[in-house]
Amino acid sequence: MEDKEHAHRDAHFQEELDSLKASMAHIASLLEQVLRNALSKGPSNRPVTFFQIQATTQVEERVREQGQDP
């Protein structure tokens, strides 16, 4: 009986893992599409938003912390 429960848990775990892998592949594909579209449009005339500034600042801070020039 214990082996059957263990096998059931393993099967459920494998299903969840496969679902997660599929979701991550889908997200990666969407990200690639967004980046491809963004790069093909060139620089935007839109004003920079606070969130873009904050993200850029965070990246620059992390680079400095690692001892590299941004």
PDB file of N, CA and C in Angstrom:
ATOM      1  N   MET A   1       0.824  -1.187   0.000  1.00  0.00           N
ATOM      2  CA  MET A   1       0.000   0.000   0.000  1.00  0.00           C
ATOM      3  C   MET A   1       0.873   1.258   0.000  1.00  0.00           C
ATOM      4  N   GLU A   2       1.949   1.222   0.781  1.00  0.00           N
ATOM      5  CA  GLU A   2       2.836   2.374   0.863  1.00  0.00           C
ATOM      6  C   GLU A   2       3.515   2.635  -0.481  1.00  0.00           C
ATOM      7  N   ASP A   3       3.891   1.562  -1.176  1.00  0.00           N
ATOM      8  CA  ASP A   3       4.513   1.715  -2.494  1.00  0.00           C
ATOM      9  C   ASP A   3       3.549   2.351  -3.487  1.00  0.00           C
ATOM     10  N   LYS A   4       2.287   1.985  -3.384  1.00  0.00           N
ATOM     11  CA  LYS A   4       1.280   2.542  -4.283  1.00  0.00           C
ATOM     12  C   LYS A   4       1.111   4.043  -4.030  1.00  0.00           C
ATOM     13  N   GLU A   5       1.087   4.456  -2.764  1.00  0.00           N
ATOM     14  CA  GLU A   5       0.977   5.871  -2.421  1.00  0.00           C
ATOM     15  C   GLU A   5       2.208   6.640  -2.891  1.00  0.00           C
ATOM     16  N   HIS A   6       3.372   6.026  -2.709  1.00  0.00           N
ATOM     17  CA  HIS A   6       4.613   6.655  -3.142  1.00  0.00           C
ATOM     18  C   HIS A   6       4.620   6.845  -4.666  1.00  0.00           C
ATOM     19  N   ALA A   7       4.179   5.827  -5.377  1.00  0.00           N
ATOM     20  CA  ALA A   7       4.118   5.900  -6.832  1.00  0.00           C
ATOM     21  C   ALA A   7       3.132   6.979  -7.275  1.00  0.00           C
ATOM     22  N   HIS A   8       2.022   7.082  -6.559  1.00  0.00           N
ATOM     23  CA  HIS A   8       1.021   8.107  -6.874  1.00  0.00           C
ATOM     24  C   HIS A   8       1.597   9.509  -6.656  1.00  0.00           C
ATOM     25  N   ARG A   9       2.315   9.707  -5.548  1.00  0.00           N
ATOM     26  CA  ARG A   9       2.944  11.003  -5.282  1.00  0.00           C
ATOM     27  C   ARG A   9       3.989  11.332  -6.336  1.00  0.00           C
ATOM     28  N   ASP A  10       4.774  10.337  -6.717  1.00  0.00           N
ATOM     29  CA  ASP A  10       5.790  10.544  -7.753  1.00  0.00           C
ATOM     30  C   ASP A  10       5.156  10.923  -9.085  1.00  0.00           C
ATOM     31  N   ALA A  11       4.074  10.252  -9.436  1.00  0.00           N
ATOM     32  CA  ALA A  11       3.386  10.553 -10.690  1.00  0.00           C
ATOM     33  C   ALA A  11       2.824  11.971 -10.660  1.00  0.00           C
ATOM     34  N   HIS A  12       2.242  12.354  -9.522  1.00  0.00           N
ATOM     35  CA  HIS A  12       1.695  13.704  -9.380  1.00  0.00           C
ATOM     36  C   HIS A  12       2.814  14.740  -9.461  1.00  0.00           C
ATOM     37  N   PHE A  13       3.929  14.467  -8.812  1.00  0.00           N
ATOM     38  CA  PHE A  13       5.076  15.363  -8.854  1.00  0.00           C
ATOM     39  C   PHE A  13       5.575  15.519 -10.288  1.00  0.00           C
ATOM     40  N   GLN A  14       5.661  14.423 -11.026  1.00  0.00           N
ATOM     41  CA  GLN A  14       6.134  14.470 -12.410  1.00  0.00           C
ATOM     42  C   GLN A  14       5.184  15.282 -13.283  1.00  0.00           C
ATOM     43  N   GLU A  15       3.874  15.137 -13.056  1.00  0.00           N
ATOM     44  CA  GLU A  15       2.886  15.920 -13.803  1.00  0.00           C
ATOM     45  C   GLU A  15       3.064  17.412 -13.522  1.00  0.00           C
ATOM     46  N   GLU A  16       3.260  17.754 -12.271  1.00  0.00           N
ATOM     47  CA  GLU A  16       3.465  19.160 -11.899  1.00  0.00           C
ATOM     48  C   GLU A  16       4.758  19.705 -12.513  1.00  0.00           C
ATOM     49  N   LEU A  17       5.805  18.897 -12.483  1.00  0.00           N
ATOM     50  CA  LEU A  17       7.083  19.308 -13.058  1.00  0.00           C
ATOM     51  C   LEU A  17       6.961  19.523 -14.566  1.00  0.00           C
ATOM     52  N   ASP A  18       6.286  18.615 -15.249  1.00  0.00           N
ATOM     53  CA  ASP A  18       6.086  18.759 -16.688  1.00  0.00           C
ATOM     54  C   ASP A  18       5.256  20.002 -17.007  1.00  0.00           C
ATOM     55  N   SER A  19       4.251  20.261 -16.199  1.00  0.00           N
ATOM     56  CA  SER A  19       3.428  21.452 -16.384  1.00  0.00           C
ATOM     57  C   SER A  19       4.249  22.719 -16.190  1.00  0.00           C
ATOM     58  N   LEU A  20       5.097  22.725 -15.180  1.00  0.00           N
ATOM     59  CA  LEU A  20       5.965  23.874 -14.916  1.00  0.00           C
ATOM     60  C   LEU A  20       6.937  24.098 -16.067  1.00  0.00           C
ATOM     61  N   LYS A  21       7.507  23.017 -16.579  1.00  0.00           N
ATOM     62  CA  LYS A  21       8.428  23.130 -17.720  1.00  0.00           C
ATOM     63  C   LYS A  21       7.717  23.722 -18.932  1.00  0.00           C
ATOM     64  N   ALA A  22       6.498  23.262 -19.192  1.00  0.00           N
ATOM     65  CA  ALA A  22       5.728  23.782 -20.325  1.00  0.00           C
ATOM     66  C   ALA A  22       5.412  25.262 -20.131  1.00  0.00           C
ATOM     67  N   SER A  23       5.063  25.642 -18.920  1.00  0.00           N
ATOM     68  CA  SER A  23       4.773  27.044 -18.627  1.00  0.00           C
ATOM     69  C   SER A  23       6.008  27.919 -18.823  1.00  0.00           C
ATOM     70  N   MET A  24       7.141  27.447 -18.354  1.00  0.00           N
ATOM     71  CA  MET A  24       8.385  28.208 -18.507  1.00  0.00           C
ATOM     72  C   MET A  24       8.771  28.334 -19.980  1.00  0.00           C
ATOM     73  N   ALA A  25       8.564  27.288 -20.761  1.00  0.00           N
ATOM     74  CA  ALA A  25       8.861  27.349 -22.192  1.00  0.00           C
ATOM     75  C   ALA A  25       7.958  28.370 -22.876  1.00  0.00           C
ATOM     76  N   HIS A  26       6.695  28.407 -22.462  1.00  0.00           N
ATOM     77  CA  HIS A  26       5.745  29.372 -23.032  1.00  0.00           C
ATOM     78  C   HIS A  26       6.153  30.795 -22.659  1.00  0.00           C
ATOM     79  N   ILE A  27       6.522  31.012 -21.414  1.00  0.00           N
ATOM     80  CA  ILE A  27       6.961  32.339 -20.966  1.00  0.00           C
ATOM     81  C   ILE A  27       8.222  32.768 -21.716  1.00  0.00           C
ATOM     82  N   ALA A  28       9.148  31.859 -21.891  1.00  0.00           N
ATOM     83  CA  ALA A  28      10.378  32.178 -22.629  1.00  0.00           C
ATOM     84  C   ALA A  28      10.058  32.550 -24.067  1.00  0.00           C
ATOM     85  N   SER A  29       9.125  31.847 -24.679  1.00  0.00           N
ATOM     86  CA  SER A  29       8.726  32.150 -26.050  1.00  0.00           C
ATOM     87  C   SER A  29       8.084  33.538 -26.134  1.00  0.00           C
ATOM     88  N   LEU A  30       7.216  33.854 -25.185  1.00  0.00           N
ATOM     89  CA  LEU A  30       6.586  35.176 -25.163  1.00  0.00           C
ATOM     90  C   LEU A  30       7.625  36.271 -24.972  1.00  0.00           C
ATOM     91  N   LEU A  31       8.581  36.048 -24.097  1.00  0.00           N
ATOM     92  CA  LEU A  31       9.637  37.029 -23.865  1.00  0.00           C
ATOM     93  C   LEU A  31      10.461  37.240 -25.132  1.00  0.00           C
ATOM     94  N   GLU A  32      10.786  36.154 -25.824  1.00  0.00           N
ATOM     95  CA  GLU A  32      11.530  36.279 -27.083  1.00  0.00           C
ATOM     96  C   GLU A  32      10.750  37.110 -28.097  1.00  0.00           C
ATOM     97  N   GLN A  33       9.441  36.901 -28.181  1.00  0.00           N
ATOM     98  CA  GLN A  33       8.615  37.667 -29.114  1.00  0.00           C
ATOM     99  C   GLN A  33       8.610  39.142 -28.746  1.00  0.00           C
ATOM    100  N   VAL A  34       8.466  39.436 -27.469  1.00  0.00           N
ATOM    101  CA  VAL A  34       8.446  40.826 -27.009  1.00  0.00           C
ATOM    102  C   VAL A  34       9.774  41.498 -27.313  1.00  0.00           C
ATOM    103  N   LEU A  35      10.869  40.828 -27.005  1.00  0.00           N
ATOM    104  CA  LEU A  35      12.189  41.400 -27.267  1.00  0.00           C
ATOM    105  C   LEU A  35      12.430  41.589 -28.763  1.00  0.00           C
ATOM    106  N   ARG A  36      12.025  40.617 -29.552  1.00  0.00           N
ATOM    107  CA  ARG A  36      12.190  40.723 -31.006  1.00  0.00           C
ATOM    108  C   ARG A  36      11.402  41.921 -31.539  1.00  0.00           C
ATOM    109  N   ASN A  37      10.163  42.087 -31.070  1.00  0.00           N
ATOM    110  CA  ASN A  37       9.346  43.220 -31.503  1.00  0.00           C
ATOM    111  C   ASN A  37       9.943  44.539 -31.038  1.00  0.00           C
ATOM    112  N   ALA A  38      10.424  44.575 -29.819  1.00  0.00           N
ATOM    113  CA  ALA A  38      11.002  45.812 -29.276  1.00  0.00           C
ATOM    114  C   ALA A  38      12.256  46.194 -30.045  1.00  0.00           C
ATOM    115  N   LEU A  39      13.087  45.228 -30.375  1.00  0.00           N
ATOM    116  CA  LEU A  39      14.321  45.518 -31.094  1.00  0.00           C
ATOM    117  C   LEU A  39      14.057  45.917 -32.536  1.00  0.00           C
ATOM    118  N   SER A  40      13.022  45.364 -33.135  1.00  0.00           N
ATOM    119  CA  SER A  40      12.732  45.682 -34.535  1.00  0.00           C
ATOM    120  C   SER A  40      12.145  47.082 -34.680  1.00  0.00           C
ATOM    121  N   LYS A  41      11.535  47.618 -33.626  1.00  0.00           N
ATOM    122  CA  LYS A  41      10.937  48.952 -33.687  1.00  0.00           C
ATOM    123  C   LYS A  41      11.955  50.049 -33.427  1.00  0.00           C
ATOM    124  N   GLY A  42      13.108  49.696 -32.919  1.00  0.00           N
ATOM    125  CA  GLY A  42      14.122  50.700 -32.634  1.00  0.00           C
ATOM    126  C   GLY A  42      13.781  51.496 -31.390  1.00  0.00           C
ATOM    127  N   PRO A  43      14.516  52.597 -31.181  1.00  0.00           N
ATOM    128  CA  PRO A  43      14.271  53.416 -29.993  1.00  0.00           C
ATOM    129  C   PRO A  43      12.866  53.988 -30.002  1.00  0.00           C
ATOM    130  N   SER A  44      12.319  54.083 -28.861  1.00  0.00           N
ATOM    131  CA  SER A  44      10.961  54.593 -28.722  1.00  0.00           C
ATOM    132  C   SER A  44      10.979  56.092 -28.456  1.00  0.00           C
ATOM    133  N   ASN A  45       9.938  56.767 -28.905  1.00  0.00           N
ATOM    134  CA  ASN A  45       9.785  58.195 -28.619  1.00  0.00           C
ATOM    135  C   ASN A  45       9.020  58.431 -27.318  1.00  0.00           C
ATOM    136  N   ARG A  46       8.626  57.345 -26.680  1.00  0.00           N
ATOM    137  CA  ARG A  46       7.889  57.477 -25.426  1.00  0.00           C
ATOM    138  C   ARG A  46       8.809  57.978 -24.326  1.00  0.00           C
ATOM    139  N   PRO A  47       8.272  58.770 -23.412  1.00  0.00           N
ATOM    140  CA  PRO A  47       9.104  59.193 -22.274  1.00  0.00           C
ATOM    141  C   PRO A  47       9.423  58.015 -21.374  1.00  0.00           C
ATOM    142  N   VAL A  48      10.564  58.070 -20.728  1.00  0.00           N
ATOM    143  CA  VAL A  48      10.979  57.016 -19.808  1.00  0.00           C
ATOM    144  C   VAL A  48      10.109  57.108 -18.556  1.00  0.00           C
ATOM    145  N   THR A  49       9.602  55.965 -18.123  1.00  0.00           N
ATOM    146  CA  THR A  49       8.766  55.964 -16.930  1.00  0.00           C
ATOM    147  C   THR A  49       9.610  55.705 -15.696  1.00  0.00           C
ATOM    148  N   PHE A  50       9.021  55.933 -14.548  1.00  0.00           N
ATOM    149  CA  PHE A  50       9.709  55.708 -13.277  1.00  0.00           C
ATOM    150  C   PHE A  50      10.209  54.280 -13.180  1.00  0.00           C
ATOM    151  N   PHE A  51       9.398  53.318 -13.615  1.00  0.00           N
ATOM    152  CA  PHE A  51       9.774  51.916 -13.481  1.00  0.00           C
ATOM    153  C   PHE A  51      10.991  51.594 -14.331  1.00  0.00           C
ATOM    154  N   GLN A  52      11.090  52.187 -15.518  1.00  0.00           N
ATOM    155  CA  GLN A  52      12.264  51.954 -16.354  1.00  0.00           C
ATOM    156  C   GLN A  52      13.502  52.550 -15.702  1.00  0.00           C
ATOM    157  N   ILE A  53      13.362  53.743 -15.129  1.00  0.00           N
ATOM    158  CA  ILE A  53      14.491  54.380 -14.459  1.00  0.00           C
ATOM    159  C   ILE A  53      14.931  53.549 -13.265  1.00  0.00           C
ATOM    160  N   GLN A  54      13.959  53.095 -12.475  1.00  0.00           N
ATOM    161  CA  GLN A  54      14.273  52.295 -11.293  1.00  0.00           C
ATOM    162  C   GLN A  54      14.988  51.003 -11.692  1.00  0.00           C
ATOM    163  N   ALA A  55      14.515  50.341 -12.734  1.00  0.00           N
ATOM    164  CA  ALA A  55      15.132  49.082 -13.165  1.00  0.00           C
ATOM    165  C   ALA A  55      16.555  49.329 -13.653  1.00  0.00           C
ATOM    166  N   THR A  56      16.763  50.414 -14.401  1.00  0.00           N
ATOM    167  CA  THR A  56      18.098  50.741 -14.890  1.00  0.00           C
ATOM    168  C   THR A  56      19.034  51.031 -13.730  1.00  0.00           C
ATOM    169  N   THR A  57      18.558  51.770 -12.755  1.00  0.00           N
ATOM    170  CA  THR A  57      19.364  52.097 -11.586  1.00  0.00           C
ATOM    171  C   THR A  57      19.738  50.836 -10.823  1.00  0.00           C
ATOM    172  N   GLN A  58      18.801  49.912 -10.673  1.00  0.00           N
ATOM    173  CA  GLN A  58      19.085  48.678  -9.953  1.00  0.00           C
ATOM    174  C   GLN A  58      20.151  47.867 -10.674  1.00  0.00           C
ATOM    175  N   VAL A  59      20.079  47.802 -11.992  1.00  0.00           N
ATOM    176  CA  VAL A  59      21.086  47.052 -12.754  1.00  0.00           C
ATOM    177  C   VAL A  59      22.446  47.703 -12.577  1.00  0.00           C
ATOM    178  N   GLU A  60      22.507  49.039 -12.694  1.00  0.00           N
ATOM    179  CA  GLU A  60      23.777  49.738 -12.540  1.00  0.00           C
ATOM    180  C   GLU A  60      24.356  49.529 -11.146  1.00  0.00           C
ATOM    181  N   GLU A  61      23.505  49.546 -10.118  1.00  0.00           N
ATOM    182  CA  GLU A  61      23.973  49.317  -8.754  1.00  0.00           C
ATOM    183  C   GLU A  61      24.547  47.912  -8.606  1.00  0.00           C
ATOM    184  N   ARG A  62      23.891  46.923  -9.181  1.00  0.00           N
ATOM    185  CA  ARG A  62      24.386  45.544  -9.088  1.00  0.00           C
ATOM    186  C   ARG A  62      25.717  45.391  -9.809  1.00  0.00           C
ATOM    187  N   VAL A  63      25.845  46.050 -10.942  1.00  0.00           N
ATOM    188  CA  VAL A  63      27.102  45.972 -11.692  1.00  0.00           C
ATOM    189  C   VAL A  63      28.226  46.583 -10.866  1.00  0.00           C
ATOM    190  N   ARG A  64      27.948  47.745 -10.247  1.00  0.00           N
ATOM    191  CA  ARG A  64      28.965  48.397  -9.404  1.00  0.00           C
ATOM    192  C   ARG A  64      29.340  47.517  -8.226  1.00  0.00           C
ATOM    193  N   GLU A  65      28.355  46.845  -7.614  1.00  0.00           N
ATOM    194  CA  GLU A  65      28.621  45.975  -6.485  1.00  0.00           C
ATOM    195  C   GLU A  65      29.545  44.825  -6.885  1.00  0.00           C
ATOM    196  N   GLN A  66      29.486  44.422  -8.139  1.00  0.00           N
ATOM    197  CA  GLN A  66      30.316  43.325  -8.610  1.00  0.00           C
ATOM    198  C   GLN A  66      31.680  43.845  -9.062  1.00  0.00           C
ATOM    199  N   GLY A  67      31.888  45.169  -8.972  1.00  0.00           N
ATOM    200  CA  GLY A  67      33.180  45.745  -9.312  1.00  0.00           C
ATOM    201  C   GLY A  67      33.392  45.984 -10.784  1.00  0.00           C
ATOM    202  N   GLN A  68      32.301  46.112 -11.529  1.00  0.00           N
ATOM    203  CA  GLN A  68      32.423  46.374 -12.952  1.00  0.00           C
ATOM    204  C   GLN A  68      31.836  47.738 -13.262  1.00  0.00           C
ATOM    205  N   ASP A  69      32.295  48.355 -14.347  1.00  0.00           N
ATOM    206  CA  ASP A  69      31.721  49.633 -14.777  1.00  0.00           C
ATOM    207  C   ASP A  69      30.448  49.369 -15.540  1.00  0.00           C
ATOM    208  N   PRO A  70      29.397  50.203 -15.311  1.00  0.00           N
ATOM    209  CA  PRO A  70      28.137  49.998 -16.031  1.00  0.00           C
ATOM    210  C   PRO A  70      28.273  50.318 -17.501  1.00  0.00           C
TER     211      PRO A  70
END
